[in-house]
């Protein structure tokens, strides 16, 4: 499924049924920064853009979903492990502001209502520190 579909499906879940003690919003694994690499056992390769990777990571954070990253962080194929994160992967995965949104104790974000149907989808999450 596409990231857009996962986000749309999350929006359809009633707020009372999401992110509470002993329950969390599992939006699936993140493709963040995989580019042409196969991220899953199914061998499918990612074709997302840098903007799509950033959007995906941000939406997972707003939705208080576990950040399960499929990006290879180390290359150990030659016997010695070396970091393999690209600049984009570091920018996204080490973004402390986005990580703080994800780790906040408040319920997941929700789409904002009251906009024309042709308006882009806007989401918000009330955070504990305002």
Protein backbone atom coordinates (compact mmCIF):
# COMPACT_ATOMS: atom_id res chain seq x y z
CA UNK A 1 0.00 0.00 0.00
CA UNK A 2 1.08 3.58 -0.52
CA UNK A 3 1.95 6.07 2.20
CA UNK A 4 -0.99 8.22 1.12
CA UNK A 5 -3.39 5.29 1.57
CA UNK A 6 -1.98 4.48 5.03
CA UNK A 7 -2.50 8.13 6.08
CA UNK A 8 -6.06 8.17 4.69
CA UNK A 9 -6.89 4.93 6.52
CA UNK A 10 -5.50 6.37 9.77
CA UNK A 11 -7.73 9.42 9.39
CA UNK A 12 -10.80 7.16 9.14
CA UNK A 13 -10.21 5.58 12.58
CA UNK A 14 -12.33 7.26 15.26
CA UNK A 15 -10.19 9.30 17.69
CA UNK A 16 -11.57 7.36 20.66
CA UNK A 17 -10.08 4.15 19.20
CA UNK A 18 -6.52 5.38 18.78
CA UNK A 19 -3.39 5.72 20.90
CA UNK A 20 -4.37 4.95 24.45
CA UNK A 21 -2.71 2.89 27.19
CA UNK A 22 -1.86 -0.59 25.89
CA UNK A 23 -2.70 0.41 22.33
CA UNK A 24 -0.78 2.31 19.69
CA UNK A 25 -1.17 3.46 16.10
CA UNK A 26 0.93 1.11 14.01
CA UNK A 27 1.08 2.68 10.56
CA UNK A 28 3.64 0.08 9.33
CA UNK A 29 7.35 0.28 8.59
CA UNK A 30 8.94 3.48 7.33
CA UNK A 31 10.59 3.55 3.91
CA UNK A 32 12.55 6.67 4.86
CA UNK A 33 15.59 7.07 2.65
CA UNK A 34 15.61 3.64 1.00
CA UNK A 35 15.62 4.96 -2.57
CA UNK A 36 16.37 2.07 -4.94
CA UNK A 37 16.99 -0.47 -2.20
CA UNK A 38 14.52 -3.24 -1.47
CA UNK A 39 13.21 -2.56 2.02
CA UNK A 40 11.13 -5.68 2.49
CA UNK A 41 11.46 -9.40 1.96
CA UNK A 42 9.11 -9.01 -1.01
CA UNK A 43 11.99 -7.38 -2.93
CA UNK A 44 10.00 -4.30 -3.94
CA UNK A 45 12.12 -1.20 -4.32
CA UNK A 46 11.14 2.23 -3.05
CA UNK A 47 10.52 4.97 -5.59
CA UNK A 48 9.73 7.82 -3.18
CA UNK A 49 11.20 11.32 -3.44
CA UNK A 50 13.00 13.20 -0.66
CA UNK A 51 9.84 15.24 0.03
CA UNK A 52 7.76 12.05 0.26
CA UNK A 53 10.24 10.52 2.73
CA UNK A 54 10.08 13.64 4.91
CA UNK A 55 6.27 13.69 4.71
CA UNK A 56 6.06 10.02 5.63
CA UNK A 57 8.30 10.40 8.69
CA UNK A 58 6.43 13.52 9.83
CA UNK A 59 3.01 11.88 9.42
CA UNK A 60 4.11 8.83 11.42
CA UNK A 61 5.23 11.23 14.18
CA UNK A 62 1.98 13.22 14.13
CA UNK A 63 0.05 9.94 14.31
CA UNK A 64 2.11 8.71 17.30
CA UNK A 65 3.02 5.58 15.37
CA UNK A 66 6.07 3.47 16.25
CA UNK A 67 8.99 4.58 14.07
CA UNK A 68 10.05 1.21 12.66
CA UNK A 69 12.78 2.09 10.18
CA UNK A 70 13.66 -0.28 7.33
CA UNK A 71 16.63 1.81 6.20
CA UNK A 72 19.97 -0.01 6.46
CA UNK A 73 21.97 2.00 8.99
CA UNK A 74 25.13 -0.10 8.84
CA UNK A 75 26.85 -2.13 6.12
CA UNK A 76 28.43 -5.23 7.64
CA UNK A 77 28.85 -7.20 4.41
CA UNK A 78 32.66 -7.00 4.43
CA UNK A 79 33.13 -8.21 8.01
CA UNK A 80 33.57 -4.75 9.49
CA UNK A 81 30.46 -2.66 10.03
CA UNK A 82 30.47 0.89 8.66
CA UNK A 83 27.70 3.51 8.80
CA UNK A 84 25.79 3.79 5.53
CA UNK A 85 23.31 6.57 6.27
CA UNK A 86 23.01 9.22 3.59
CA UNK A 87 22.75 12.93 4.39
CA UNK A 88 18.99 12.76 3.72
CA UNK A 89 18.54 9.79 6.05
CA UNK A 90 20.41 11.61 8.82
CA UNK A 91 18.36 14.78 8.24
CA UNK A 92 15.11 12.85 8.58
CA UNK A 93 15.88 10.17 11.16
CA UNK A 94 17.83 12.43 13.54
CA UNK A 95 15.39 15.38 13.45
CA UNK A 96 14.89 16.02 17.17
CA UNK A 97 11.79 18.20 16.65
CA UNK A 98 9.96 15.47 14.73
CA UNK A 99 11.11 12.81 17.20
CA UNK A 100 9.77 14.95 20.08
CA UNK A 101 6.36 15.13 18.37
CA UNK A 102 6.34 11.36 17.99
CA UNK A 103 7.33 10.76 21.62
CA UNK A 104 4.82 13.19 23.16
CA UNK A 105 2.29 11.63 25.55
CA UNK A 106 -0.74 13.20 23.86
CA UNK A 107 -3.15 11.35 21.54
CA UNK A 108 -2.36 11.07 17.86
CA UNK A 109 -2.97 13.97 15.51
CA UNK A 110 -6.11 14.29 13.44
CA UNK A 111 -6.97 15.93 10.12
CA UNK A 112 -8.38 19.43 10.49
CA UNK A 113 -11.92 19.88 9.17
CA UNK A 114 -13.70 22.83 7.61
CA UNK A 115 -11.64 23.26 4.46
CA UNK A 116 -12.88 22.96 0.86
CA UNK A 117 -12.58 19.43 -0.57
CA UNK A 118 -9.93 20.58 -3.08
CA UNK A 119 -7.76 21.99 -0.25
CA UNK A 120 -4.67 19.98 0.81
CA UNK A 121 -5.13 17.78 3.86
CA UNK A 122 -4.01 19.55 7.05
CA UNK A 123 -3.20 17.64 10.22
CA UNK A 124 -2.53 18.80 13.78
CA UNK A 125 -1.58 17.22 17.09
CA UNK A 126 -2.06 18.93 20.45
CA UNK A 127 1.27 18.57 22.28
CA UNK A 128 1.75 18.50 26.04
CA UNK A 129 3.94 21.63 25.99
CA UNK A 130 1.58 23.55 23.72
